[in-house]
Structure formats: structure tokens, C-alpha cells
């Protein structure tokens, strides 16, 4: 089975966002940090994260912000109503990694499935999918980030907004802008977390992720500088950490950009995220 993965143009985003999301990889609070970082960039009400695998019910990876108030609905979804949910159908159909609204995933025959379902659901034409799982809030817009992992499981990031809110209308566009960074971080997180749990329970070192980045064109010292940039260090902090002068750091940065054929720190983060996606897919 071949899993298709979109590789959209990398967005222009705040470099601190990239640094923070990269530093969250491998953390036990990874998805909580994803929720906070995303909400700092684009506002949403709640986030529910789960993972889908073949021949198994979805498994919750956590509920954040307002989604913590919807536990009964989430539990019922994981127990039974996922079977008729468009996201589960999309998983079965091997939907491409990307950002979706629930409308994007509706399929022919959905109404018949709802009518014939013997599950305890509330039929409601005001809901996008035509029904509501008991305990799930009314009139919520769901923006979905669907991410395939190399082991053929799929992670769902379900961002929730009230239907009437103006933020719901803008959210999907905003999510698309930062989704490449989020999806590659999710993929790398599962890879690193799995490796880390086998060897030790220590938090992974970001240097492990950046060790090979640019080594074919950068000097050893330039690689040291790059690793600190990717951790979010300023030029002054890099100078103190490496025991070199600030002008030397700036020279290293200019040389790094030239060797990598980029012109800014944001492009450096974009390039690193692209490399992460290539390694992870």
C-alpha cells in the first residue's frame, strides 16, 4: 500500500514558531505544546488528538483547551461512533496528508449510514455530518489536520471552533500555512519518542535531529551555529555559548546562508522542516 503525502510550498512563519515546535519533539507534553503554539499563531477553542490504526478503534492522544470539557462525547466517539465518522472513512480510503474541513470528507451515502445506524447518536441536520455523538458539543466547526506516519497509522488533529465565530472561518487558512511544520514535527516526534522509549526515558536532544543537517556543505563550526539557531538562540546567545565574538557569529550566519543558498533565518527553518519531512516519509 502506498501512502500519498502532500508536500505543499513551505510557509513564511515566525521563526520562533519553528524553533519552539522543533524543540517540543520527543517531549511527553508534545501535543499540549502543539496546542499552545498553534493557538499563539491562530486562535481556536479546543483540540482533540487521536491516532487511527488498522483493525483497531482510535486511541486518544489528548484533549486540550475547551476540548477537555467534551470528555463524554470523545469517549463515546472512541467507543463506537467513529465507525460512521467521515474521518474514519478517510483513514480507510488512505486520504492524503493535509488540512481538511469536515465538509471535505463527506461522502455519498452518509445519510443512509446514519439512518441505518444502530448506534446511540442524535440525528441533527444542523451538524455538518448530520448527527451528533452524545456528549459532543453542538454547532462546532472542525478543522482537521490528518497526518500519516511511516507505520501506516494516521494522526488526527481535530481543532474545534464554534460555528458562529469569525475565527472558525479563518482557522483552516491559517492552519494550512503552518501545517507543514506541524506535520513534520508530529512524524519526527513519533520516530524520536519510539527510539527514546526503547533506549532511555530521557528527553531527546535536538542535536540528534540536526546532526546531519547541512553536513555535506557546512563546516563543523557552522553546524554548531545551525543547531543553536534551530533551538531558538539569538546571535548574542550563540556567541556566549560557543565562546566566540558576535561578529564571528554573524560571519558564520552569512556563510551558512550562502552555502545553503538561502537568505534568512525563516528560510533556514523552512529548509530544515523540509529535510525532516523527506527523512520521515
C-alpha atoms as a PDB file:
ATOM      1  CA  UNK A   1       0.000   0.000   0.000  1.00  0.00           C
ATOM      2  CA  UNK A   2       1.373   3.411  -0.942  1.00  0.00           C
ATOM      3  CA  UNK A   3       0.520   6.375   1.246  1.00  0.00           C
ATOM      4  CA  UNK A   4       0.304   9.657  -0.601  1.00  0.00           C
ATOM      5  CA  UNK A   5       1.724  12.689   1.179  1.00  0.00           C
ATOM      6  CA  UNK A   6       1.281  16.307   0.115  1.00  0.00           C
ATOM      7  CA  UNK A   7       4.398  18.460   0.097  1.00  0.00           C
ATOM      8  CA  UNK A   8       2.960  21.988  -0.150  1.00  0.00           C
ATOM      9  CA  UNK A   9       5.104  25.099  -0.516  1.00  0.00           C
ATOM     10  CA  UNK A  10       6.705  25.890   2.802  1.00  0.00           C
ATOM     11  CA  UNK A  11       5.025  28.846   4.532  1.00  0.00           C
ATOM     12  CA  UNK A  12       6.579  32.029   5.746  1.00  0.00           C
ATOM     13  CA  UNK A  13       6.025  31.966   9.510  1.00  0.00           C
ATOM     14  CA  UNK A  14       7.602  33.409  12.617  1.00  0.00           C
ATOM     15  CA  UNK A  15      10.965  31.741  13.163  1.00  0.00           C
ATOM     16  CA  UNK A  16      10.238  31.378  16.891  1.00  0.00           C
ATOM     17  CA  UNK A  17       7.278  29.167  15.999  1.00  0.00           C
ATOM     18  CA  UNK A  18       9.575  26.817  14.090  1.00  0.00           C
ATOM     19  CA  UNK A  19      12.162  26.802  16.868  1.00  0.00           C
ATOM     20  CA  UNK A  20       9.547  26.081  19.543  1.00  0.00           C
ATOM     21  CA  UNK A  21       7.800  23.353  17.585  1.00  0.00           C
ATOM     22  CA  UNK A  22      11.101  21.632  16.828  1.00  0.00           C
ATOM     23  CA  UNK A  23      12.162  21.810  20.477  1.00  0.00           C
ATOM     24  CA  UNK A  24       8.860  20.155  21.504  1.00  0.00           C
ATOM     25  CA  UNK A  25       9.690  16.973  19.573  1.00  0.00           C
ATOM     26  CA  UNK A  26      10.038  13.983  21.892  1.00  0.00           C
ATOM     27  CA  UNK A  27       8.511  15.759  24.894  1.00  0.00           C
ATOM     28  CA  UNK A  28       5.886  13.932  26.934  1.00  0.00           C
ATOM     29  CA  UNK A  29       3.865  17.156  26.673  1.00  0.00           C
ATOM     30  CA  UNK A  30       4.308  17.322  22.905  1.00  0.00           C
ATOM     31  CA  UNK A  31       0.651  17.693  21.900  1.00  0.00           C
ATOM     32  CA  UNK A  32      -0.045  20.122  24.728  1.00  0.00           C
ATOM     33  CA  UNK A  33       2.806  22.258  23.388  1.00  0.00           C
ATOM     34  CA  UNK A  34       1.430  21.915  19.848  1.00  0.00           C
ATOM     35  CA  UNK A  35      -1.915  23.221  21.123  1.00  0.00           C
ATOM     36  CA  UNK A  36      -0.311  26.215  22.844  1.00  0.00           C
ATOM     37  CA  UNK A  37       1.999  27.080  19.944  1.00  0.00           C
ATOM     38  CA  UNK A  38      -0.795  26.802  17.378  1.00  0.00           C
ATOM     39  CA  UNK A  39      -3.140  28.932  19.460  1.00  0.00           C
ATOM     40  CA  UNK A  40      -0.444  31.590  19.706  1.00  0.00           C
ATOM     41  CA  UNK A  41      -0.456  31.695  15.906  1.00  0.00           C
ATOM     42  CA  UNK A  42      -4.149  31.139  15.114  1.00  0.00           C
ATOM     43  CA  UNK A  43      -6.921  31.164  17.720  1.00  0.00           C
ATOM     44  CA  UNK A  44      -9.139  28.113  18.258  1.00  0.00           C
ATOM     45  CA  UNK A  45     -11.378  26.827  21.056  1.00  0.00           C
ATOM     46  CA  UNK A  46     -10.257  23.232  21.532  1.00  0.00           C
ATOM     47  CA  UNK A  47      -8.051  20.445  20.203  1.00  0.00           C
ATOM     48  CA  UNK A  48      -8.634  16.707  20.240  1.00  0.00           C
ATOM     49  CA  UNK A  49      -5.847  14.396  19.054  1.00  0.00           C
ATOM     50  CA  UNK A  50      -6.216  10.722  18.225  1.00  0.00           C
ATOM     51  CA  UNK A  51      -4.439   8.063  16.215  1.00  0.00           C
ATOM     52  CA  UNK A  52      -6.020   5.568  13.819  1.00  0.00           C
ATOM     53  CA  UNK A  53      -4.668   2.133  13.010  1.00  0.00           C
ATOM     54  CA  UNK A  54      -5.981  -0.837  11.047  1.00  0.00           C
ATOM     55  CA  UNK A  55      -8.274  -3.264  12.898  1.00  0.00           C
ATOM     56  CA  UNK A  56      -8.436  -1.067  15.981  1.00  0.00           C
ATOM     57  CA  UNK A  57     -10.559   1.696  17.432  1.00  0.00           C
ATOM     58  CA  UNK A  58      -8.950   5.157  17.503  1.00  0.00           C
ATOM     59  CA  UNK A  59      -6.767   5.932  20.513  1.00  0.00           C
ATOM     60  CA  UNK A  60      -6.869   9.339  22.181  1.00  0.00           C
ATOM     61  CA  UNK A  61      -3.586  11.226  22.403  1.00  0.00           C
ATOM     62  CA  UNK A  62      -5.106  14.001  24.464  1.00  0.00           C
ATOM     63  CA  UNK A  63      -7.702  16.772  24.710  1.00  0.00           C
ATOM     64  CA  UNK A  64      -6.649  20.379  25.113  1.00  0.00           C
ATOM     65  CA  UNK A  65      -8.237  23.720  25.940  1.00  0.00           C
ATOM     66  CA  UNK A  66     -12.067  23.602  25.633  1.00  0.00           C
ATOM     67  CA  UNK A  67     -11.981  20.018  24.306  1.00  0.00           C
ATOM     68  CA  UNK A  68     -11.287  18.884  27.865  1.00  0.00           C
ATOM     69  CA  UNK A  69     -14.913  19.722  28.612  1.00  0.00           C
ATOM     70  CA  UNK A  70     -16.179  17.273  25.973  1.00  0.00           C
ATOM     71  CA  UNK A  71     -14.814  14.076  27.511  1.00  0.00           C
ATOM     72  CA  UNK A  72     -18.134  12.143  27.442  1.00  0.00           C
ATOM     73  CA  UNK A  73     -18.561  12.863  23.724  1.00  0.00           C
ATOM     74  CA  UNK A  74     -14.971  11.962  22.958  1.00  0.00           C
ATOM     75  CA  UNK A  75     -15.250   8.712  24.909  1.00  0.00           C
ATOM     76  CA  UNK A  76     -18.411   7.768  23.006  1.00  0.00           C
ATOM     77  CA  UNK A  77     -16.681   8.599  19.722  1.00  0.00           C
ATOM     78  CA  UNK A  78     -13.755   6.346  20.568  1.00  0.00           C
ATOM     79  CA  UNK A  79     -16.066   3.553  21.731  1.00  0.00           C
ATOM     80  CA  UNK A  80     -18.423   3.344  18.774  1.00  0.00           C
ATOM     81  CA  UNK A  81     -19.447   6.364  16.673  1.00  0.00           C
ATOM     82  CA  UNK A  82     -16.043   6.658  14.959  1.00  0.00           C
ATOM     83  CA  UNK A  83     -17.195   3.809  12.697  1.00  0.00           C
ATOM     84  CA  UNK A  84     -19.576   6.104  10.771  1.00  0.00           C
ATOM     85  CA  UNK A  85     -17.481   9.268  11.069  1.00  0.00           C
ATOM     86  CA  UNK A  86     -16.073  10.774   7.842  1.00  0.00           C
ATOM     87  CA  UNK A  87     -12.551  10.913   9.329  1.00  0.00           C
ATOM     88  CA  UNK A  88     -12.523   7.160   9.900  1.00  0.00           C
ATOM     89  CA  UNK A  89     -13.766   6.639   6.337  1.00  0.00           C
ATOM     90  CA  UNK A  90     -10.996   8.951   5.110  1.00  0.00           C
ATOM     91  CA  UNK A  91      -8.470   6.857   7.030  1.00  0.00           C
ATOM     92  CA  UNK A  92      -9.793   3.697   5.372  1.00  0.00           C
ATOM     93  CA  UNK A  93      -9.571   5.387   1.971  1.00  0.00           C
ATOM     94  CA  UNK A  94      -5.969   6.495   2.684  1.00  0.00           C
ATOM     95  CA  UNK A  95      -6.695  10.199   2.409  1.00  0.00           C
ATOM     96  CA  UNK A  96      -3.665  12.333   1.607  1.00  0.00           C
ATOM     97  CA  UNK A  97      -1.887  14.050   4.492  1.00  0.00           C
ATOM     98  CA  UNK A  98      -3.213  17.606   4.715  1.00  0.00           C
ATOM     99  CA  UNK A  99      -5.687  20.096   6.167  1.00  0.00           C
ATOM    100  CA  UNK A 100      -9.413  19.418   5.730  1.00  0.00           C
ATOM    101  CA  UNK A 101     -12.801  20.586   6.907  1.00  0.00           C
ATOM    102  CA  UNK A 102     -15.449  18.022   7.700  1.00  0.00           C
ATOM    103  CA  UNK A 103     -17.275  19.099   4.526  1.00  0.00           C
ATOM    104  CA  UNK A 104     -14.258  17.967   2.503  1.00  0.00           C
ATOM    105  CA  UNK A 105     -14.636  14.428   3.851  1.00  0.00           C
ATOM    106  CA  UNK A 106     -18.391  13.921   3.473  1.00  0.00           C
ATOM    107  CA  UNK A 107     -19.179  11.009   1.184  1.00  0.00           C
ATOM    108  CA  UNK A 108     -22.108   9.737  -0.831  1.00  0.00           C
ATOM    109  CA  UNK A 109     -24.346   7.521   1.236  1.00  0.00           C
ATOM    110  CA  UNK A 110     -23.602   9.292   4.517  1.00  0.00           C
ATOM    111  CA  UNK A 111     -27.289   9.927   5.232  1.00  0.00           C
ATOM    112  CA  UNK A 112     -28.134   6.279   4.603  1.00  0.00           C
ATOM    113  CA  UNK A 113     -25.413   5.168   7.012  1.00  0.00           C
ATOM    114  CA  UNK A 114     -26.790   7.488   9.677  1.00  0.00           C
ATOM    115  CA  UNK A 115     -30.357   6.313   9.137  1.00  0.00           C
ATOM    116  CA  UNK A 116     -29.355   2.646   9.299  1.00  0.00           C
ATOM    117  CA  UNK A 117     -27.003   3.032  12.240  1.00  0.00           C
ATOM    118  CA  UNK A 118     -27.942   1.218  15.435  1.00  0.00           C
ATOM    119  CA  UNK A 119     -25.548   3.324  17.491  1.00  0.00           C
ATOM    120  CA  UNK A 120     -26.776   5.780  20.084  1.00  0.00           C
ATOM    121  CA  UNK A 121     -26.450   9.021  18.095  1.00  0.00           C
ATOM    122  CA  UNK A 122     -28.558  12.151  17.783  1.00  0.00           C
ATOM    123  CA  UNK A 123     -29.605  12.921  14.213  1.00  0.00           C
ATOM    124  CA  UNK A 124     -29.242  16.664  13.657  1.00  0.00           C
ATOM    125  CA  UNK A 125     -29.339  18.348  10.235  1.00  0.00           C
ATOM    126  CA  UNK A 126     -27.678  21.449  11.695  1.00  0.00           C
ATOM    127  CA  UNK A 127     -24.489  19.449  12.211  1.00  0.00           C
ATOM    128  CA  UNK A 128     -22.120  19.201   9.235  1.00  0.00           C
ATOM    129  CA  UNK A 129     -22.044  15.401   9.369  1.00  0.00           C
ATOM    130  CA  UNK A 130     -25.799  15.103  10.014  1.00  0.00           C
ATOM    131  CA  UNK A 131     -25.621  13.742  13.536  1.00  0.00           C
ATOM    132  CA  UNK A 132     -24.031  14.316  16.916  1.00  0.00           C
ATOM    133  CA  UNK A 133     -22.430  11.819  19.242  1.00  0.00           C
ATOM    134  CA  UNK A 134     -23.920  12.084  22.764  1.00  0.00           C
ATOM    135  CA  UNK A 135     -21.703  14.346  24.841  1.00  0.00           C
ATOM    136  CA  UNK A 136     -20.276  16.138  21.807  1.00  0.00           C
ATOM    137  CA  UNK A 137     -20.965  19.913  21.792  1.00  0.00           C
ATOM    138  CA  UNK A 138     -23.472  21.469  19.422  1.00  0.00           C
ATOM    139  CA  UNK A 139     -22.561  23.573  16.412  1.00  0.00           C
ATOM    140  CA  UNK A 140     -18.824  23.102  16.390  1.00  0.00           C
ATOM    141  CA  UNK A 141     -16.715  23.583  13.269  1.00  0.00           C
ATOM    142  CA  UNK A 142     -13.940  21.011  12.977  1.00  0.00           C
ATOM    143  CA  UNK A 143     -10.728  21.829  11.125  1.00  0.00           C
ATOM    144  CA  UNK A 144      -8.709  18.682  10.645  1.00  0.00           C
ATOM    145  CA  UNK A 145      -5.007  18.069  10.284  1.00  0.00           C
ATOM    146  CA  UNK A 146      -4.550  14.481   9.081  1.00  0.00           C
ATOM    147  CA  UNK A 147      -1.026  13.094   9.198  1.00  0.00           C
ATOM    148  CA  UNK A 148       0.196   9.693   8.029  1.00  0.00           C
ATOM    149  CA  UNK A 149       3.013   8.073   9.971  1.00  0.00           C
ATOM    150  CA  UNK A 150       5.520   5.687   8.355  1.00  0.00           C
ATOM    151  CA  UNK A 151       3.929   2.687  10.134  1.00  0.00           C
ATOM    152  CA  UNK A 152       0.666   3.324   8.225  1.00  0.00           C
ATOM    153  CA  UNK A 153      -1.186   4.781  11.168  1.00  0.00           C
ATOM    154  CA  UNK A 154      -2.822   8.209  10.915  1.00  0.00           C
ATOM    155  CA  UNK A 155      -2.845  11.051  13.438  1.00  0.00           C
ATOM    156  CA  UNK A 156      -5.865  13.357  13.561  1.00  0.00           C
ATOM    157  CA  UNK A 157      -5.571  16.859  14.960  1.00  0.00           C
ATOM    158  CA  UNK A 158      -9.172  17.994  15.357  1.00  0.00           C
ATOM    159  CA  UNK A 159      -9.316  21.753  16.019  1.00  0.00           C
ATOM    160  CA  UNK A 160     -12.679  22.966  17.290  1.00  0.00           C
ATOM    161  CA  UNK A 161     -14.345  26.359  16.877  1.00  0.00           C
ATOM    162  CA  UNK A 162     -17.931  27.468  17.362  1.00  0.00           C
ATOM    163  CA  UNK A 163     -19.718  27.698  14.014  1.00  0.00           C
ATOM    164  CA  UNK A 164     -20.752  31.311  14.518  1.00  0.00           C
ATOM    165  CA  UNK A 165     -17.297  32.619  15.334  1.00  0.00           C
ATOM    166  CA  UNK A 166     -15.281  34.603  12.798  1.00  0.00           C
ATOM    167  CA  UNK A 167     -12.175  32.689  13.916  1.00  0.00           C
ATOM    168  CA  UNK A 168     -13.745  29.463  12.594  1.00  0.00           C
ATOM    169  CA  UNK A 169     -13.901  30.955   9.096  1.00  0.00           C
ATOM    170  CA  UNK A 170     -10.229  31.970   9.149  1.00  0.00           C
ATOM    171  CA  UNK A 171      -8.810  28.998  11.002  1.00  0.00           C
ATOM    172  CA  UNK A 172      -8.336  26.479   8.183  1.00  0.00           C
ATOM    173  CA  UNK A 173      -6.434  29.003   6.066  1.00  0.00           C
ATOM    174  CA  UNK A 174      -4.182  29.797   8.989  1.00  0.00           C
ATOM    175  CA  UNK A 175      -3.666  26.114   9.746  1.00  0.00           C
ATOM    176  CA  UNK A 176      -2.654  25.407   6.157  1.00  0.00           C
ATOM    177  CA  UNK A 177       0.131  27.998   6.483  1.00  0.00           C
ATOM    178  CA  UNK A 178       1.811  26.266   9.439  1.00  0.00           C
ATOM    179  CA  UNK A 179       0.712  22.684   8.782  1.00  0.00           C
ATOM    180  CA  UNK A 180       3.910  21.521   7.022  1.00  0.00           C
ATOM    181  CA  UNK A 181       5.887  22.364  10.159  1.00  0.00           C
ATOM    182  CA  UNK A 182       3.307  20.725  12.429  1.00  0.00           C
ATOM    183  CA  UNK A 183       3.000  17.546  10.351  1.00  0.00           C
ATOM    184  CA  UNK A 184       6.739  17.013  10.020  1.00  0.00           C
ATOM    185  CA  UNK A 185       7.169  17.627  13.767  1.00  0.00           C
ATOM    186  CA  UNK A 186       4.435  15.062  14.539  1.00  0.00           C
ATOM    187  CA  UNK A 187       6.110  12.477  12.301  1.00  0.00           C
ATOM    188  CA  UNK A 188       9.517  13.124  13.830  1.00  0.00           C
ATOM    189  CA  UNK A 189       8.054  13.100  17.355  1.00  0.00           C
ATOM    190  CA  UNK A 190       6.726   9.585  16.974  1.00  0.00           C
ATOM    191  CA  UNK A 191      10.007   8.434  15.491  1.00  0.00           C
ATOM    192  CA  UNK A 192      12.124  10.022  18.233  1.00  0.00           C
ATOM    193  CA  UNK A 193       9.746   9.119  21.071  1.00  0.00           C
ATOM    194  CA  UNK A 194       9.737   5.479  19.998  1.00  0.00           C
ATOM    195  CA  UNK A 195      13.536   5.397  19.825  1.00  0.00           C
ATOM    196  CA  UNK A 196      13.826   7.204  23.124  1.00  0.00           C
ATOM    197  CA  UNK A 197      11.436   4.847  24.935  1.00  0.00           C
ATOM    198  CA  UNK A 198      13.481   1.872  23.790  1.00  0.00           C
ATOM    199  CA  UNK A 199      16.862   3.270  24.877  1.00  0.00           C
ATOM    200  CA  UNK A 200      16.032   5.528  27.815  1.00  0.00           C
ATOM    201  CA  UNK A 201      13.281   7.780  29.114  1.00  0.00           C
ATOM    202  CA  UNK A 202      15.421  10.904  28.792  1.00  0.00           C
ATOM    203  CA  UNK A 203      14.184  13.746  26.634  1.00  0.00           C
ATOM    204  CA  UNK A 204      15.812  13.559  23.194  1.00  0.00           C
ATOM    205  CA  UNK A 205      18.497  16.087  22.369  1.00  0.00           C
ATOM    206  CA  UNK A 206      17.712  18.396  19.461  1.00  0.00           C
ATOM    207  CA  UNK A 207      21.288  17.904  18.283  1.00  0.00           C
ATOM    208  CA  UNK A 208      20.264  14.347  17.393  1.00  0.00           C
ATOM    209  CA  UNK A 209      17.756  15.773  14.909  1.00  0.00           C
ATOM    210  CA  UNK A 210      20.097  18.369  13.450  1.00  0.00           C
ATOM    211  CA  UNK A 211      23.338  16.380  13.451  1.00  0.00           C
ATOM    212  CA  UNK A 212      23.253  15.578   9.747  1.00  0.00           C
ATOM    213  CA  UNK A 213      21.571  18.768   8.613  1.00  0.00           C
ATOM    214  CA  UNK A 214      23.810  20.538   6.087  1.00  0.00           C
ATOM    215  CA  UNK A 215      26.897  18.496   6.957  1.00  0.00           C
ATOM    216  CA  UNK A 216      27.694  17.973   3.284  1.00  0.00           C
ATOM    217  CA  UNK A 217      28.247  21.734   2.765  1.00  0.00           C
ATOM    218  CA  UNK A 218      28.780  23.245   6.241  1.00  0.00           C
ATOM    219  CA  UNK A 219      31.910  23.261   8.351  1.00  0.00           C
ATOM    220  CA  UNK A 220      31.819  21.716  11.829  1.00  0.00           C
ATOM    221  CA  UNK A 221      31.605  25.131  13.474  1.00  0.00           C
ATOM    222  CA  UNK A 222      28.841  26.218  11.095  1.00  0.00           C
ATOM    223  CA  UNK A 223      26.905  23.100  12.065  1.00  0.00           C
ATOM    224  CA  UNK A 224      27.296  24.089  15.732  1.00  0.00           C
ATOM    225  CA  UNK A 225      25.837  27.501  14.902  1.00  0.00           C
ATOM    226  CA  UNK A 226      22.948  25.987  12.923  1.00  0.00           C
ATOM    227  CA  UNK A 227      21.991  23.670  15.774  1.00  0.00           C
ATOM    228  CA  UNK A 228      21.774  26.620  18.161  1.00  0.00           C
ATOM    229  CA  UNK A 229      19.763  28.692  15.659  1.00  0.00           C
ATOM    230  CA  UNK A 230      17.279  25.824  15.340  1.00  0.00           C
ATOM    231  CA  UNK A 231      16.961  25.797  19.132  1.00  0.00           C
ATOM    232  CA  UNK A 232      15.960  29.471  19.004  1.00  0.00           C
ATOM    233  CA  UNK A 233      19.231  31.001  20.239  1.00  0.00           C
ATOM    234  CA  UNK A 234      19.925  34.624  19.315  1.00  0.00           C
ATOM    235  CA  UNK A 235      23.261  35.603  17.790  1.00  0.00           C
ATOM    236  CA  UNK A 236      24.383  37.004  21.169  1.00  0.00           C
ATOM    237  CA  UNK A 237      23.412  33.758  22.933  1.00  0.00           C
ATOM    238  CA  UNK A 238      25.273  31.744  20.283  1.00  0.00           C
ATOM    239  CA  UNK A 239      28.387  33.849  20.834  1.00  0.00           C
ATOM    240  CA  UNK A 240      28.278  33.246  24.599  1.00  0.00           C
ATOM    241  CA  UNK A 241      27.526  29.526  24.233  1.00  0.00           C
ATOM    242  CA  UNK A 242      30.308  28.869  21.734  1.00  0.00           C
ATOM    243  CA  UNK A 243      32.763  31.334  23.278  1.00  0.00           C
ATOM    244  CA  UNK A 244      33.201  33.366  20.095  1.00  0.00           C
ATOM    245  CA  UNK A 245      32.621  37.008  19.234  1.00  0.00           C
ATOM    246  CA  UNK A 246      29.327  38.383  17.957  1.00  0.00           C
ATOM    247  CA  UNK A 247      30.871  39.489  14.610  1.00  0.00           C
ATOM    248  CA  UNK A 248      32.177  35.927  14.168  1.00  0.00           C
ATOM    249  CA  UNK A 249      28.674  34.539  14.719  1.00  0.00           C
ATOM    250  CA  UNK A 250      27.292  36.946  12.125  1.00  0.00           C
ATOM    251  CA  UNK A 251      30.006  35.867   9.681  1.00  0.00           C
ATOM    252  CA  UNK A 252      29.116  32.221  10.276  1.00  0.00           C
ATOM    253  CA  UNK A 253      25.456  33.007   9.653  1.00  0.00           C
ATOM    254  CA  UNK A 254      26.219  34.746   6.363  1.00  0.00           C
ATOM    255  CA  UNK A 255      28.378  31.811   5.259  1.00  0.00           C
ATOM    256  CA  UNK A 256      25.704  29.306   6.302  1.00  0.00           C
ATOM    257  CA  UNK A 257      23.027  31.106   4.304  1.00  0.00           C
ATOM    258  CA  UNK A 258      25.331  31.300   1.289  1.00  0.00           C
ATOM    259  CA  UNK A 259      26.280  27.613   1.424  1.00  0.00           C
ATOM    260  CA  UNK A 260      22.649  26.542   1.837  1.00  0.00           C
ATOM    261  CA  UNK A 261      21.532  29.001  -0.875  1.00  0.00           C
ATOM    262  CA  UNK A 262      19.074  30.792   1.386  1.00  0.00           C
ATOM    263  CA  UNK A 263      18.886  34.387   2.600  1.00  0.00           C
ATOM    264  CA  UNK A 264      17.164  34.410   6.001  1.00  0.00           C
ATOM    265  CA  UNK A 265      16.598  32.565   9.267  1.00  0.00           C
ATOM    266  CA  UNK A 266      12.999  31.814   8.279  1.00  0.00           C
ATOM    267  CA  UNK A 267      14.258  30.101   5.120  1.00  0.00           C
ATOM    268  CA  UNK A 268      16.675  28.103   7.295  1.00  0.00           C
ATOM    269  CA  UNK A 269      13.777  26.787   9.393  1.00  0.00           C
ATOM    270  CA  UNK A 270      11.770  26.056   6.244  1.00  0.00           C
ATOM    271  CA  UNK A 271      14.680  24.104   4.784  1.00  0.00           C
ATOM    272  CA  UNK A 272      15.151  22.121   7.997  1.00  0.00           C
ATOM    273  CA  UNK A 273      11.446  21.240   8.149  1.00  0.00           C
ATOM    274  CA  UNK A 274      11.584  20.089   4.523  1.00  0.00           C
ATOM    275  CA  UNK A 275      14.540  17.840   5.328  1.00  0.00           C
ATOM    276  CA  UNK A 276      12.638  16.402   8.289  1.00  0.00           C
ATOM    277  CA  UNK A 277       9.690  15.602   6.045  1.00  0.00           C
ATOM    278  CA  UNK A 278      11.949  13.903   3.490  1.00  0.00           C
ATOM    279  CA  UNK A 279      13.551  11.733   6.167  1.00  0.00           C
ATOM    280  CA  UNK A 280      10.238  10.844   7.783  1.00  0.00           C
ATOM    281  CA  UNK A 281       8.256   9.886   4.664  1.00  0.00           C
END
